[in-house]
């Protein structure tokens, strides 16, 4: 999704392109992203919702603007053979910045390992 998050592109277009790429790579997952503002979820385009993976009329039609922040929430489901094929849901949430040139990058890096909490 980070590759598709660009200024001038609507949230719904980013969602559709991201989901198409996931399907091409045989990933069973979802995309949800919202702009970050001073009050949590800020003004700007929604990129899917956890329960609206077909697009979000209105807020999803808005284009991304430069110099904005987004919370990128992704999830994936995968069957676990040791659990009799039951699906495991795993989610992540990381923040991204769309810079003044309209290109996105991870705000503080990307989590690449699980943290075990006991």
N, C-alpha and C. Protein backbone atom coordinates (compact mmCIF):
# COMPACT_ATOMS: atom_id res chain seq x y z
N UNK A 1 0.80 -1.18 0.00
CA UNK A 1 0.00 0.00 0.00
C UNK A 1 0.86 1.25 0.00
N UNK A 2 1.97 1.21 0.70
CA UNK A 2 2.85 2.37 0.75
C UNK A 2 3.30 2.79 -0.65
N UNK A 3 3.53 1.81 -1.53
CA UNK A 3 3.94 2.13 -2.91
C UNK A 3 2.84 2.87 -3.66
N UNK A 4 1.59 2.66 -3.28
CA UNK A 4 0.45 3.24 -3.98
C UNK A 4 -0.04 4.55 -3.37
N UNK A 5 0.38 4.84 -2.15
CA UNK A 5 -0.03 6.06 -1.44
C UNK A 5 0.74 7.25 -2.03
N UNK A 6 0.07 8.02 -2.87
CA UNK A 6 0.69 9.15 -3.56
C UNK A 6 -0.28 10.33 -3.60
N UNK A 7 0.27 11.53 -3.59
CA UNK A 7 -0.56 12.72 -3.72
C UNK A 7 -1.26 12.70 -5.08
N UNK A 8 -2.52 13.16 -5.07
CA UNK A 8 -3.30 13.24 -6.30
C UNK A 8 -4.11 12.00 -6.61
N UNK A 9 -3.93 10.93 -5.85
CA UNK A 9 -4.65 9.68 -6.08
C UNK A 9 -5.73 9.55 -5.01
N UNK A 10 -6.92 9.13 -5.41
CA UNK A 10 -8.02 8.99 -4.44
C UNK A 10 -7.82 7.79 -3.54
N UNK A 11 -8.42 7.85 -2.37
CA UNK A 11 -8.38 6.73 -1.45
C UNK A 11 -8.94 5.47 -2.05
N UNK A 12 -10.05 5.58 -2.79
CA UNK A 12 -10.65 4.40 -3.40
C UNK A 12 -9.76 3.79 -4.48
N UNK A 13 -9.04 4.61 -5.22
CA UNK A 13 -8.11 4.10 -6.24
C UNK A 13 -6.93 3.38 -5.58
N UNK A 14 -6.42 3.94 -4.50
CA UNK A 14 -5.33 3.30 -3.76
C UNK A 14 -5.80 1.97 -3.20
N UNK A 15 -7.00 1.94 -2.64
CA UNK A 15 -7.56 0.71 -2.09
C UNK A 15 -7.69 -0.36 -3.17
N UNK A 16 -8.32 -0.02 -4.30
CA UNK A 16 -8.53 -1.01 -5.37
C UNK A 16 -7.21 -1.54 -5.89
N UNK A 17 -6.23 -0.68 -6.08
CA UNK A 17 -4.93 -1.10 -6.60
C UNK A 17 -4.21 -1.98 -5.58
N UNK A 18 -4.28 -1.61 -4.30
CA UNK A 18 -3.62 -2.41 -3.25
C UNK A 18 -4.25 -3.79 -3.13
N UNK A 19 -5.58 -3.86 -3.15
CA UNK A 19 -6.26 -5.15 -3.05
C UNK A 19 -5.99 -6.03 -4.27
N UNK A 20 -5.91 -5.42 -5.45
CA UNK A 20 -5.59 -6.19 -6.67
C UNK A 20 -4.19 -6.80 -6.56
N UNK A 21 -3.26 -6.03 -6.03
CA UNK A 21 -1.89 -6.56 -5.85
C UNK A 21 -1.88 -7.69 -4.83
N UNK A 22 -2.66 -7.53 -3.75
CA UNK A 22 -2.72 -8.59 -2.74
C UNK A 22 -3.29 -9.88 -3.35
N UNK A 23 -4.36 -9.75 -4.13
CA UNK A 23 -4.96 -10.93 -4.76
C UNK A 23 -3.96 -11.60 -5.71
N UNK A 24 -3.23 -10.78 -6.46
CA UNK A 24 -2.23 -11.31 -7.40
C UNK A 24 -1.17 -12.11 -6.65
N UNK A 25 -0.85 -11.69 -5.43
CA UNK A 25 0.16 -12.39 -4.63
C UNK A 25 -0.45 -13.42 -3.70
N UNK A 26 -1.75 -13.71 -3.89
CA UNK A 26 -2.48 -14.71 -3.11
C UNK A 26 -2.48 -14.40 -1.61
N UNK A 27 -2.66 -13.13 -1.29
CA UNK A 27 -2.73 -12.68 0.10
C UNK A 27 -4.19 -12.43 0.44
N UNK A 28 -4.69 -13.10 1.48
CA UNK A 28 -6.06 -12.91 1.95
C UNK A 28 -6.02 -11.87 3.06
N UNK A 29 -6.24 -10.63 2.71
CA UNK A 29 -6.12 -9.59 3.71
C UNK A 29 -7.02 -8.40 3.44
N UNK A 30 -6.85 -7.38 4.25
CA UNK A 30 -7.64 -6.16 4.09
C UNK A 30 -6.75 -4.93 4.30
N UNK A 31 -7.25 -3.81 3.81
CA UNK A 31 -6.55 -2.53 3.88
C UNK A 31 -7.48 -1.52 4.53
N UNK A 32 -6.96 -0.78 5.47
CA UNK A 32 -7.69 0.34 6.06
C UNK A 32 -6.68 1.41 6.39
N UNK A 33 -6.89 2.60 5.91
CA UNK A 33 -5.98 3.69 6.21
C UNK A 33 -6.78 4.97 6.32
N UNK A 34 -6.35 5.78 7.26
CA UNK A 34 -7.02 7.07 7.46
C UNK A 34 -5.97 8.14 7.71
N UNK A 35 -6.30 9.38 7.34
CA UNK A 35 -5.37 10.47 7.63
C UNK A 35 -5.29 10.71 9.14
N UNK A 36 -4.14 11.20 9.56
CA UNK A 36 -3.93 11.51 10.97
C UNK A 36 -3.99 13.02 11.12
N UNK A 37 -4.76 13.48 12.09
CA UNK A 37 -4.85 14.91 12.36
C UNK A 37 -4.65 15.18 13.84
N UNK A 38 -4.97 16.37 14.25
CA UNK A 38 -4.79 16.76 15.64
C UNK A 38 -5.75 16.04 16.58
N UNK A 39 -6.79 15.45 16.02
CA UNK A 39 -7.80 14.77 16.84
C UNK A 39 -7.89 13.29 16.48
N UNK A 40 -6.77 12.67 16.15
CA UNK A 40 -6.80 11.25 15.77
C UNK A 40 -7.04 11.10 14.29
N UNK A 41 -8.22 10.65 13.93
CA UNK A 41 -8.56 10.48 12.51
C UNK A 41 -8.78 11.86 11.92
N UNK A 42 -7.90 12.29 11.01
CA UNK A 42 -7.95 13.64 10.48
C UNK A 42 -8.77 13.76 9.21
N UNK A 43 -8.80 14.97 8.70
CA UNK A 43 -9.51 15.25 7.45
C UNK A 43 -8.71 14.71 6.28
N UNK A 44 -9.40 14.19 5.30
CA UNK A 44 -8.74 13.66 4.11
C UNK A 44 -9.36 12.34 3.71
N UNK A 45 -8.73 11.66 2.74
CA UNK A 45 -9.34 10.45 2.19
C UNK A 45 -9.24 9.24 3.11
N UNK A 46 -10.30 8.46 3.13
CA UNK A 46 -10.24 7.13 3.73
C UNK A 46 -9.77 6.17 2.64
N UNK A 47 -8.95 5.22 3.03
CA UNK A 47 -8.50 4.19 2.10
C UNK A 47 -9.05 2.89 2.67
N UNK A 48 -10.27 2.57 2.28
CA UNK A 48 -10.97 1.41 2.81
C UNK A 48 -11.38 1.61 4.26
N UNK A 49 -12.16 0.72 4.74
CA UNK A 49 -12.51 0.56 6.15
C UNK A 49 -12.46 -0.93 6.40
N UNK A 50 -12.33 -1.34 7.63
CA UNK A 50 -12.22 -2.78 7.90
C UNK A 50 -13.42 -3.54 7.34
N UNK A 51 -14.57 -2.89 7.30
CA UNK A 51 -15.78 -3.54 6.78
C UNK A 51 -16.25 -2.96 5.45
N UNK A 52 -15.41 -2.18 4.78
CA UNK A 52 -15.76 -1.56 3.49
C UNK A 52 -14.59 -1.72 2.52
N UNK A 53 -14.32 -2.93 2.13
CA UNK A 53 -13.19 -3.20 1.25
C UNK A 53 -13.52 -2.98 -0.23
N UNK A 54 -14.75 -2.58 -0.51
CA UNK A 54 -15.13 -2.28 -1.89
C UNK A 54 -14.96 -0.79 -2.20
N UNK A 55 -14.59 0.01 -1.21
CA UNK A 55 -14.43 1.45 -1.37
C UNK A 55 -15.38 2.19 -0.44
N UNK A 56 -15.10 3.45 -0.23
CA UNK A 56 -15.90 4.28 0.67
C UNK A 56 -16.39 5.49 -0.11
N UNK A 57 -17.68 5.50 -0.52
CA UNK A 57 -18.20 6.65 -1.26
C UNK A 57 -18.02 7.94 -0.45
N UNK A 58 -17.68 9.00 -1.12
CA UNK A 58 -17.48 10.29 -0.45
C UNK A 58 -16.06 10.43 0.04
N UNK A 59 -15.79 10.01 1.27
CA UNK A 59 -14.45 10.16 1.85
C UNK A 59 -13.38 9.39 1.08
N UNK A 60 -13.74 8.29 0.46
CA UNK A 60 -12.77 7.52 -0.32
C UNK A 60 -12.49 8.12 -1.68
N UNK A 61 -13.35 9.03 -2.14
CA UNK A 61 -13.17 9.67 -3.44
C UNK A 61 -12.23 10.87 -3.37
N UNK A 62 -11.85 11.27 -2.18
CA UNK A 62 -10.97 12.42 -1.97
C UNK A 62 -9.54 12.01 -2.31
N UNK A 63 -8.78 12.93 -2.92
CA UNK A 63 -7.39 12.65 -3.29
C UNK A 63 -6.45 12.97 -2.13
N UNK A 64 -5.37 12.23 -2.05
CA UNK A 64 -4.30 12.46 -1.08
C UNK A 64 -3.61 13.77 -1.44
N UNK A 65 -3.24 14.55 -0.44
CA UNK A 65 -2.50 15.79 -0.67
C UNK A 65 -1.09 15.65 -0.08
N UNK A 66 -0.14 16.43 -0.61
CA UNK A 66 1.22 16.40 -0.04
C UNK A 66 1.22 16.89 1.41
N UNK A 67 2.29 16.56 2.11
CA UNK A 67 2.50 16.98 3.50
C UNK A 67 1.37 16.51 4.41
N UNK A 68 1.03 15.23 4.33
CA UNK A 68 0.01 14.66 5.19
C UNK A 68 0.50 13.34 5.78
N UNK A 69 -0.14 12.94 6.85
CA UNK A 69 0.21 11.69 7.55
C UNK A 69 -0.97 10.73 7.46
N UNK A 70 -0.66 9.44 7.43
CA UNK A 70 -1.68 8.40 7.39
C UNK A 70 -1.33 7.27 8.33
N UNK A 71 -2.34 6.73 8.94
CA UNK A 71 -2.21 5.49 9.69
C UNK A 71 -2.58 4.37 8.73
N UNK A 72 -1.64 3.47 8.50
CA UNK A 72 -1.88 2.36 7.58
C UNK A 72 -2.15 1.11 8.42
N UNK A 73 -3.36 0.58 8.28
CA UNK A 73 -3.76 -0.60 9.04
C UNK A 73 -4.01 -1.74 8.05
N UNK A 74 -3.18 -2.75 8.13
CA UNK A 74 -3.27 -3.89 7.23
C UNK A 74 -3.55 -5.15 8.04
N UNK A 75 -4.19 -6.12 7.42
CA UNK A 75 -4.39 -7.40 8.09
C UNK A 75 -4.31 -8.52 7.07
N UNK A 76 -4.03 -9.69 7.57
CA UNK A 76 -3.95 -10.87 6.73
C UNK A 76 -4.54 -12.05 7.51
N UNK A 77 -5.16 -12.96 6.77
CA UNK A 77 -5.66 -14.20 7.34
C UNK A 77 -4.96 -15.36 6.65
N UNK A 78 -4.57 -16.35 7.46
CA UNK A 78 -3.91 -17.52 6.88
C UNK A 78 -4.30 -18.76 7.67
N UNK A 79 -4.52 -19.87 6.98
CA UNK A 79 -4.86 -21.10 7.69
C UNK A 79 -3.63 -21.65 8.41
N UNK A 80 -3.88 -22.23 9.59
CA UNK A 80 -2.80 -22.83 10.39
C UNK A 80 -3.05 -24.34 10.42
N UNK A 81 -2.20 -25.11 9.75
CA UNK A 81 -2.41 -26.57 9.69
C UNK A 81 -2.51 -27.21 11.08
N UNK A 82 -1.69 -26.74 12.02
CA UNK A 82 -1.70 -27.31 13.38
C UNK A 82 -3.01 -27.04 14.11
N UNK A 83 -3.81 -26.13 13.63
CA UNK A 83 -5.11 -25.81 14.22
C UNK A 83 -6.25 -26.37 13.38
N UNK A 84 -5.95 -27.38 12.61
CA UNK A 84 -6.98 -27.98 11.76
C UNK A 84 -7.41 -27.08 10.62
N UNK A 85 -6.53 -26.18 10.19
CA UNK A 85 -6.83 -25.28 9.09
C UNK A 85 -7.57 -24.02 9.48
N UNK A 86 -7.85 -23.84 10.79
CA UNK A 86 -8.51 -22.60 11.22
C UNK A 86 -7.64 -21.41 10.85
N UNK A 87 -8.31 -20.31 10.52
CA UNK A 87 -7.58 -19.12 10.10
C UNK A 87 -7.10 -18.30 11.29
N UNK A 88 -5.90 -17.78 11.14
CA UNK A 88 -5.32 -16.85 12.10
C UNK A 88 -5.36 -15.46 11.47
N UNK A 89 -5.86 -14.48 12.20
CA UNK A 89 -5.90 -13.09 11.73
C UNK A 89 -4.75 -12.34 12.39
N UNK A 90 -3.95 -11.65 11.59
CA UNK A 90 -2.84 -10.85 12.10
C UNK A 90 -2.96 -9.46 11.51
N UNK A 91 -2.92 -8.45 12.37
CA UNK A 91 -3.00 -7.07 11.91
C UNK A 91 -1.76 -6.28 12.27
N UNK A 92 -1.56 -5.20 11.58
CA UNK A 92 -0.48 -4.27 11.89
C UNK A 92 -0.97 -2.85 11.64
N UNK A 93 -0.38 -1.91 12.33
CA UNK A 93 -0.70 -0.51 12.11
C UNK A 93 0.59 0.29 12.23
N UNK A 94 0.93 0.98 11.18
CA UNK A 94 2.13 1.82 11.14
C UNK A 94 1.76 3.14 10.48
N UNK A 95 2.47 4.18 10.83
CA UNK A 95 2.20 5.49 10.25
C UNK A 95 3.12 5.79 9.08
N UNK A 96 2.58 6.53 8.12
CA UNK A 96 3.33 6.94 6.94
C UNK A 96 3.16 8.44 6.72
N UNK A 97 4.14 9.03 6.07
CA UNK A 97 4.13 10.46 5.75
C UNK A 97 4.17 10.60 4.23
N UNK A 98 3.27 11.44 3.71
CA UNK A 98 3.33 11.82 2.30
C UNK A 98 4.06 13.16 2.28
N UNK A 99 5.24 13.20 1.68
CA UNK A 99 6.07 14.40 1.75
C UNK A 99 5.58 15.50 0.79
N UNK A 100 6.29 16.60 0.76
CA UNK A 100 5.91 17.75 -0.06
C UNK A 100 5.94 17.46 -1.55
N UNK A 101 6.64 16.43 -1.95
CA UNK A 101 6.68 16.04 -3.37
C UNK A 101 5.60 15.02 -3.70
N UNK A 102 4.85 14.58 -2.65
CA UNK A 102 3.75 13.66 -2.89
C UNK A 102 4.11 12.20 -2.76
N UNK A 103 5.33 11.88 -2.30
CA UNK A 103 5.78 10.50 -2.15
C UNK A 103 5.66 10.06 -0.69
N UNK A 104 5.26 8.80 -0.48
CA UNK A 104 5.05 8.28 0.88
C UNK A 104 6.26 7.48 1.38
N UNK A 105 6.46 7.54 2.69
CA UNK A 105 7.50 6.76 3.36
C UNK A 105 7.02 6.45 4.77
N UNK A 106 7.55 5.39 5.36
CA UNK A 106 7.20 5.07 6.75
C UNK A 106 7.68 6.19 7.65
N UNK A 107 6.85 6.62 8.59
CA UNK A 107 7.18 7.73 9.49
C UNK A 107 8.33 7.35 10.43
N UNK A 108 8.25 6.19 11.03
CA UNK A 108 9.25 5.76 12.02
C UNK A 108 9.83 4.39 11.70
N UNK A 109 9.87 4.04 10.47
CA UNK A 109 10.29 2.69 10.10
C UNK A 109 9.09 1.76 10.13
N UNK A 110 9.32 0.52 9.78
CA UNK A 110 8.24 -0.46 9.70
C UNK A 110 8.55 -1.63 10.61
N UNK A 111 7.56 -2.05 11.38
CA UNK A 111 7.76 -3.21 12.24
C UNK A 111 7.94 -4.45 11.36
N UNK A 112 8.98 -5.18 11.58
CA UNK A 112 9.26 -6.37 10.80
C UNK A 112 9.36 -7.63 11.64
N UNK A 113 9.24 -7.49 12.98
CA UNK A 113 9.31 -8.65 13.87
C UNK A 113 8.18 -8.54 14.89
N UNK A 114 7.75 -9.68 15.37
CA UNK A 114 6.77 -9.72 16.45
C UNK A 114 7.47 -9.46 17.78
N UNK A 115 6.77 -8.84 18.70
CA UNK A 115 7.27 -8.62 20.04
C UNK A 115 6.47 -9.52 20.97
N UNK A 116 7.14 -10.44 21.62
CA UNK A 116 6.47 -11.37 22.52
C UNK A 116 6.18 -10.69 23.86
N UNK A 117 4.92 -10.68 24.24
CA UNK A 117 4.51 -10.11 25.51
C UNK A 117 4.04 -11.27 26.38
N UNK A 118 4.63 -11.39 27.56
CA UNK A 118 4.27 -12.50 28.45
C UNK A 118 3.48 -12.00 29.62
